Amino acid sequence: MDTEFFKELERFALLVKKRVSTTYAGGRKSLRYGRGITPVGYREYRQGDDFKLVDWKAYGRTEKLYVREHEEERSLVVHIILDASGSMGYDRKFEYASQIAAGFAYIATLENEKYVISRFSEDLDPGEPRRGRRYLFQTIDELDRTSPQGETNLKKVSEQFDHLIRSTSLVVLISDFLGNTDDIVSSIYRLSGHDLIVIHLMAPDEAEMRLAGDVRFVDMETHQPLITRVSEKQRAEYKKKLEEHISRIRATCNAVGADFLSFKTDKPIFDAFSELNAKATIWRA
């Protein structure tokens, strides 16, 4: 993987719209109350509260138990979910997607946040969130050795992720989304409890359908062949259905407050991140 574009990414930083709570100590604030640095108020003691947080001076004045609430420091965990199914092997889509995934991981490293790139096809292959550049370059080596294969089951993968990840995180979902639209919509809704960025990738040929005449297609996930004649009418119908498919994904993201961006693989990686920086509300410079 060419990582030269990393140097250009240092101008970008991560931001979530709402503060998040995780189990990791770090430099990003949340609105989870308990032990911390900055007191933000008091509330009555509830069973299970830590007695160390009881304000005994307040008890002396009121004969009621009150606990001090603090704004805790927590860190953001960046989960990058990367499609590694067979269809991503077409025209360097997986290579392009891997660079985007690595770019997010690099920016998380600059922010000293934990991150992980988890690949999926029929199932999720979850990694362990960590910090640091050494982990990043180990991950890049793994991506370089990955051969996209298998069918996509995004609905199942989103369910697996939902059961695995309990704390609110920044989730970046990268895929060509060549699957059942209803399943994709369902998956986005399931992931919408997190701060979600959805990135759709297409090869230029997939976007334009430049083929004509008698053509033999082979499904890269099932390996099933299809021989057909591509006419102007079929090209127009293909583009119409593709746009309807993408529009519904975009509308779903808008409905749940997720960011949606669509890139062709001939777009320079840094230009893709520049567009993210300009358009994504979960992202800032």
Protein backbone atom coordinates (compact mmCIF):
# COMPACT_ATOMS: atom_id res chain seq x y z
CA MET A 1 0.00 0.00 0.00
CA ASP A 2 1.25 3.47 -0.91
CA THR A 3 1.04 5.53 2.29
CA GLU A 4 2.53 8.77 0.95
CA PHE A 5 -0.86 10.46 1.32
CA PHE A 6 -0.61 10.04 5.12
CA LYS A 7 1.55 13.17 5.32
CA GLU A 8 -1.26 15.22 3.79
CA LEU A 9 -3.81 13.93 6.31
CA GLU A 10 -2.21 15.62 9.29
CA ARG A 11 -4.38 18.69 8.71
CA PHE A 12 -7.50 16.68 9.49
CA ALA A 13 -8.85 15.71 12.92
CA LEU A 14 -11.75 13.67 14.19
CA LEU A 15 -14.88 15.04 15.80
CA VAL A 16 -18.08 13.33 16.90
CA LYS A 17 -21.35 15.24 17.02
CA LYS A 18 -22.18 13.99 20.49
CA ARG A 19 -19.76 13.21 23.25
CA VAL A 20 -19.19 9.53 23.75
CA SER A 21 -18.58 7.24 26.69
CA THR A 22 -16.25 4.27 26.54
CA THR A 23 -14.29 2.28 29.05
CA TYR A 24 -11.00 3.79 27.95
CA ALA A 25 -9.29 6.76 29.57
CA GLY A 26 -8.16 9.35 27.07
CA GLY A 27 -8.32 12.92 25.90
CA ARG A 28 -11.91 13.24 24.66
CA LYS A 29 -14.71 14.35 26.98
CA SER A 30 -18.01 12.64 27.54
CA LEU A 31 -21.15 13.32 29.54
CA ARG A 32 -20.79 10.15 31.58
CA TYR A 33 -20.90 11.10 35.24
CA GLY A 34 -18.88 9.66 38.09
CA ARG A 35 -15.23 9.99 38.99
CA GLY A 36 -13.44 12.69 37.08
CA ILE A 37 -11.72 16.03 37.14
CA THR A 38 -14.38 18.72 36.77
CA PRO A 39 -17.37 18.74 39.16
CA VAL A 40 -20.61 19.56 37.35
CA GLY A 41 -23.19 19.25 40.14
CA TYR A 42 -24.88 17.06 42.73
CA ARG A 43 -27.68 14.54 42.84
CA GLU A 44 -29.23 12.36 45.52
CA TYR A 45 -27.44 9.12 46.32
CA ARG A 46 -28.80 6.01 44.57
CA GLN A 47 -28.19 2.42 45.56
CA GLY A 48 -24.99 1.22 43.95
CA ASP A 49 -23.28 4.63 43.86
CA ASP A 50 -19.69 4.81 45.06
CA PHE A 51 -19.60 6.03 48.69
CA LYS A 52 -16.35 7.83 47.86
CA LEU A 53 -18.40 10.28 45.81
CA VAL A 54 -20.72 11.19 48.72
CA ASP A 55 -20.46 14.82 49.82
CA TRP A 56 -20.43 14.49 53.60
CA LYS A 57 -20.56 18.24 54.13
CA ALA A 58 -23.85 18.32 52.26
CA TYR A 59 -25.04 15.41 54.42
CA GLY A 60 -24.17 17.38 57.54
CA ARG A 61 -26.31 20.27 56.35
CA THR A 62 -29.27 18.33 54.98
CA GLU A 63 -29.05 14.85 56.54
CA LYS A 64 -29.46 13.50 53.00
CA LEU A 65 -26.88 11.69 50.93
CA TYR A 66 -25.71 13.51 47.81
CA VAL A 67 -22.99 12.47 45.37
CA ARG A 68 -20.78 14.79 43.37
CA GLU A 69 -21.06 14.37 39.60
CA HIS A 70 -18.01 14.93 37.44
CA GLU A 71 -17.48 15.12 33.71
CA GLU A 72 -15.21 12.20 32.95
CA GLU A 73 -12.46 12.03 30.38
CA ARG A 74 -12.99 9.20 27.93
CA SER A 75 -11.49 8.27 24.61
CA LEU A 76 -13.10 7.70 21.27
CA VAL A 77 -12.78 4.27 19.66
CA VAL A 78 -12.73 4.30 15.86
CA HIS A 79 -14.16 1.12 14.31
CA ILE A 80 -13.50 0.83 10.57
CA ILE A 81 -15.61 -1.93 9.01
CA LEU A 82 -14.14 -2.88 5.65
CA ASP A 83 -15.85 -4.96 2.96
CA ALA A 84 -13.50 -7.76 1.86
CA SER A 85 -16.05 -9.79 -0.13
CA GLY A 86 -15.40 -11.07 -3.64
CA SER A 87 -16.98 -8.10 -5.42
CA MET A 88 -14.40 -5.79 -3.85
CA GLY A 89 -11.73 -7.54 -5.91
CA TYR A 90 -12.98 -5.85 -9.07
CA ASP A 91 -10.82 -3.07 -10.52
CA ARG A 92 -8.78 -2.34 -7.34
CA LYS A 93 -11.83 -1.50 -5.20
CA PHE A 94 -10.39 -3.32 -2.18
CA GLU A 95 -7.04 -1.59 -2.60
CA TYR A 96 -8.78 1.79 -2.69
CA ALA A 97 -11.01 0.90 0.25
CA SER A 98 -7.97 -0.25 2.23
CA GLN A 99 -6.28 3.11 1.68
CA ILE A 100 -9.35 4.94 2.96
CA ALA A 101 -9.51 2.62 5.97
CA ALA A 102 -5.80 3.14 6.67
CA GLY A 103 -6.26 6.90 6.34
CA PHE A 104 -8.92 6.91 9.05
CA ALA A 105 -6.68 4.75 11.23
CA TYR A 106 -3.75 7.11 10.69
CA ILE A 107 -5.78 10.15 11.72
CA ALA A 108 -6.96 8.25 14.82
CA THR A 109 -3.28 7.59 15.56
CA LEU A 110 -2.54 11.31 15.30
CA GLU A 111 -5.34 11.91 17.81
CA ASN A 112 -3.98 9.16 20.08
CA GLU A 113 -7.30 7.33 19.82
CA LYS A 114 -7.86 3.59 19.71
CA TYR A 115 -8.84 2.21 16.33
CA VAL A 116 -9.35 -1.08 14.54
CA ILE A 117 -9.98 -2.16 10.95
CA SER A 118 -12.32 -5.17 10.88
CA ARG A 119 -12.90 -6.93 7.57
CA PHE A 120 -16.09 -8.70 6.58
CA SER A 121 -17.76 -10.77 3.88
CA GLU A 122 -20.34 -13.30 5.10
CA ASP A 123 -19.14 -12.76 8.68
CA LEU A 124 -17.35 -10.05 10.61
CA ASP A 125 -13.67 -10.67 11.34
CA PRO A 126 -13.31 -8.33 14.32
CA GLY A 127 -9.97 -6.96 15.42
CA GLU A 128 -8.87 -5.55 18.76
CA PRO A 129 -8.83 -1.73 19.12
CA ARG A 130 -5.35 -0.41 19.88
CA ARG A 131 -3.29 2.76 19.64
CA GLY A 132 -0.08 3.55 17.85
CA ARG A 133 1.70 3.54 14.53
CA ARG A 134 3.22 0.10 14.98
CA TYR A 135 -0.26 -1.39 15.12
CA LEU A 136 -1.24 0.67 12.07
CA PHE A 137 1.56 -0.71 9.92
CA GLN A 138 0.87 -4.25 11.13
CA THR A 139 -2.72 -3.73 10.01
CA ILE A 140 -1.60 -2.40 6.62
CA ASP A 141 0.52 -5.53 6.12
CA GLU A 142 -2.57 -7.65 6.83
CA LEU A 143 -4.64 -5.65 4.34
CA ASP A 144 -1.95 -6.03 1.68
CA ARG A 145 -2.12 -9.81 2.16
CA THR A 146 -5.92 -9.93 2.00
CA SER A 147 -7.54 -11.43 -1.09
CA PRO A 148 -11.21 -10.35 -1.34
CA GLN A 149 -13.47 -13.39 -1.45
CA GLY A 150 -16.83 -14.73 -0.37
CA GLU A 151 -20.35 -13.38 -0.50
CA THR A 152 -21.53 -10.31 1.36
CA ASN A 153 -23.96 -10.56 4.27
CA LEU A 154 -24.02 -7.03 5.64
CA LYS A 155 -27.20 -7.62 7.65
CA LYS A 156 -25.55 -10.47 9.55
CA VAL A 157 -22.33 -8.50 9.95
CA SER A 158 -24.13 -5.48 11.45
CA GLU A 159 -25.90 -7.78 13.93
CA GLN A 160 -22.55 -9.32 14.92
CA PHE A 161 -21.03 -5.86 15.38
CA ASP A 162 -24.02 -4.69 17.42
CA HIS A 163 -23.65 -7.62 19.83
CA LEU A 164 -19.89 -7.13 20.07
CA ILE A 165 -19.63 -3.35 20.55
CA ARG A 166 -21.60 -1.88 23.43
CA SER A 167 -20.04 1.58 23.83
CA THR A 168 -20.78 4.44 21.46
CA SER A 169 -18.00 4.68 18.88
CA LEU A 170 -17.13 6.31 15.60
CA VAL A 171 -17.98 3.69 12.98
CA VAL A 172 -16.74 3.97 9.39
CA LEU A 173 -18.45 1.49 7.05
CA ILE A 174 -16.69 1.06 3.68
CA SER A 175 -18.29 -1.09 0.96
CA ASP A 176 -19.47 -1.21 -2.64
CA PHE A 177 -22.93 -2.10 -1.25
CA LEU A 178 -23.66 -4.52 -4.06
CA GLY A 179 -26.38 -6.32 -2.16
CA ASN A 180 -30.05 -6.30 -1.32
CA THR A 181 -31.11 -2.72 -0.66
CA ASP A 182 -33.45 -3.65 2.20
CA ASP A 183 -30.62 -5.49 3.97
CA ILE A 184 -28.31 -2.50 3.56
CA VAL A 185 -30.95 -0.14 4.93
CA SER A 186 -31.56 -2.46 7.89
CA SER A 187 -27.81 -2.59 8.59
CA ILE A 188 -27.47 1.19 8.58
CA TYR A 189 -30.33 1.50 11.06
CA ARG A 190 -28.67 -1.09 13.30
CA LEU A 191 -25.36 0.78 13.24
CA SER A 192 -26.97 4.19 13.71
CA GLY A 193 -26.56 4.12 17.48
CA HIS A 194 -22.95 5.05 16.78
CA ASP A 195 -21.53 8.10 15.04
CA LEU A 196 -21.62 6.61 11.58
CA ILE A 197 -19.83 7.45 8.34
CA VAL A 198 -20.92 5.36 5.34
CA ILE A 199 -18.56 5.29 2.36
CA HIS A 200 -19.78 3.82 -0.93
CA LEU A 201 -17.21 2.82 -3.57
CA MET A 202 -17.62 2.07 -7.25
CA ALA A 203 -15.25 1.31 -10.08
CA PRO A 204 -15.73 3.73 -13.02
CA ASP A 205 -17.00 0.88 -15.21
CA GLU A 206 -19.65 0.01 -12.62
CA ALA A 207 -20.86 3.60 -12.52
CA GLU A 208 -21.00 4.12 -16.26
CA MET A 209 -21.72 0.63 -17.70
CA ARG A 210 -19.51 1.22 -20.73
CA LEU A 211 -19.92 -2.30 -22.09
CA ALA A 212 -22.00 -2.99 -25.18
CA GLY A 213 -23.01 -5.94 -27.32
CA ASP A 214 -22.74 -9.57 -26.25
CA VAL A 215 -21.11 -9.70 -22.84
CA ARG A 216 -20.28 -12.50 -20.41
CA PHE A 217 -20.53 -11.36 -16.80
CA VAL A 218 -19.19 -13.42 -13.89
CA ASP A 219 -20.41 -12.75 -10.34
CA MET A 220 -17.22 -12.27 -8.30
CA GLU A 221 -18.89 -13.58 -5.14
CA THR A 222 -20.81 -16.61 -6.41
CA HIS A 223 -18.75 -17.12 -9.62
CA GLN A 224 -21.99 -17.65 -11.55
CA PRO A 225 -21.75 -16.58 -15.23
CA LEU A 226 -24.34 -14.58 -17.14
CA ILE A 227 -24.26 -14.06 -20.89
CA THR A 228 -26.40 -11.23 -22.18
CA ARG A 229 -26.59 -8.49 -24.80
CA VAL A 230 -26.11 -4.98 -23.45
CA SER A 231 -28.14 -2.44 -25.39
CA GLU A 232 -28.57 1.30 -24.91
CA LYS A 233 -31.93 0.63 -23.27
CA GLN A 234 -30.36 -1.82 -20.81
CA ARG A 235 -27.60 0.64 -19.98
CA ALA A 236 -30.18 3.32 -19.24
CA GLU A 237 -32.18 0.90 -17.06
CA TYR A 238 -29.00 -0.14 -15.23
CA LYS A 239 -28.10 3.46 -14.45
CA LYS A 240 -31.64 4.18 -13.28
CA LYS A 241 -31.67 1.23 -10.88
CA LEU A 242 -28.17 2.02 -9.64
CA GLU A 243 -29.16 5.59 -8.85
CA GLU A 244 -32.31 4.41 -7.07
CA HIS A 245 -30.20 1.99 -5.02
CA ILE A 246 -27.67 4.66 -4.03
CA SER A 247 -30.38 7.26 -3.40
CA ARG A 248 -32.14 4.99 -0.95
CA ILE A 249 -28.90 4.34 0.94
CA ARG A 250 -28.22 8.07 1.04
CA ALA A 251 -31.76 8.81 2.24
CA THR A 252 -31.43 6.23 5.01
CA CYS A 253 -28.17 7.80 6.17
CA ASN A 254 -29.85 11.21 6.21
CA ALA A 255 -32.74 9.79 8.23
CA VAL A 256 -30.48 8.39 10.96
CA GLY A 257 -27.98 11.27 11.01
CA ALA A 258 -25.14 9.34 9.38
CA ASP A 259 -22.75 10.82 6.84
CA PHE A 260 -22.87 9.29 3.36
CA LEU A 261 -20.21 9.75 0.69
CA SER A 262 -19.77 7.97 -2.63
CA PHE A 263 -16.46 7.76 -4.48
CA LYS A 264 -15.23 6.23 -7.70
CA THR A 265 -11.90 4.47 -7.43
CA ASP A 266 -10.24 6.82 -9.92
CA LYS A 267 -10.59 9.70 -7.44
CA PRO A 268 -7.26 10.46 -5.71
CA ILE A 269 -7.32 9.33 -2.08
CA PHE A 270 -6.39 12.72 -0.67
CA ASP A 271 -9.20 14.32 -2.70
CA ALA A 272 -11.59 11.82 -1.12
CA PHE A 273 -10.46 12.88 2.36
CA SER A 274 -10.75 16.55 1.36
CA GLU A 275 -14.36 15.90 0.38
CA LEU A 276 -14.94 14.10 3.68
CA ASN A 277 -13.53 17.08 5.51
CA ALA A 278 -15.81 19.46 3.61
CA LYS A 279 -19.05 17.47 3.74
CA ALA A 280 -19.08 15.13 6.74
CA THR A 281 -20.69 16.63 9.83
CA ILE A 282 -18.91 14.08 12.06
CA TRP A 283 -15.58 15.37 10.81
CA ARG A 284 -13.76 18.65 11.14
CA ALA A 285 -10.45 20.21 10.14
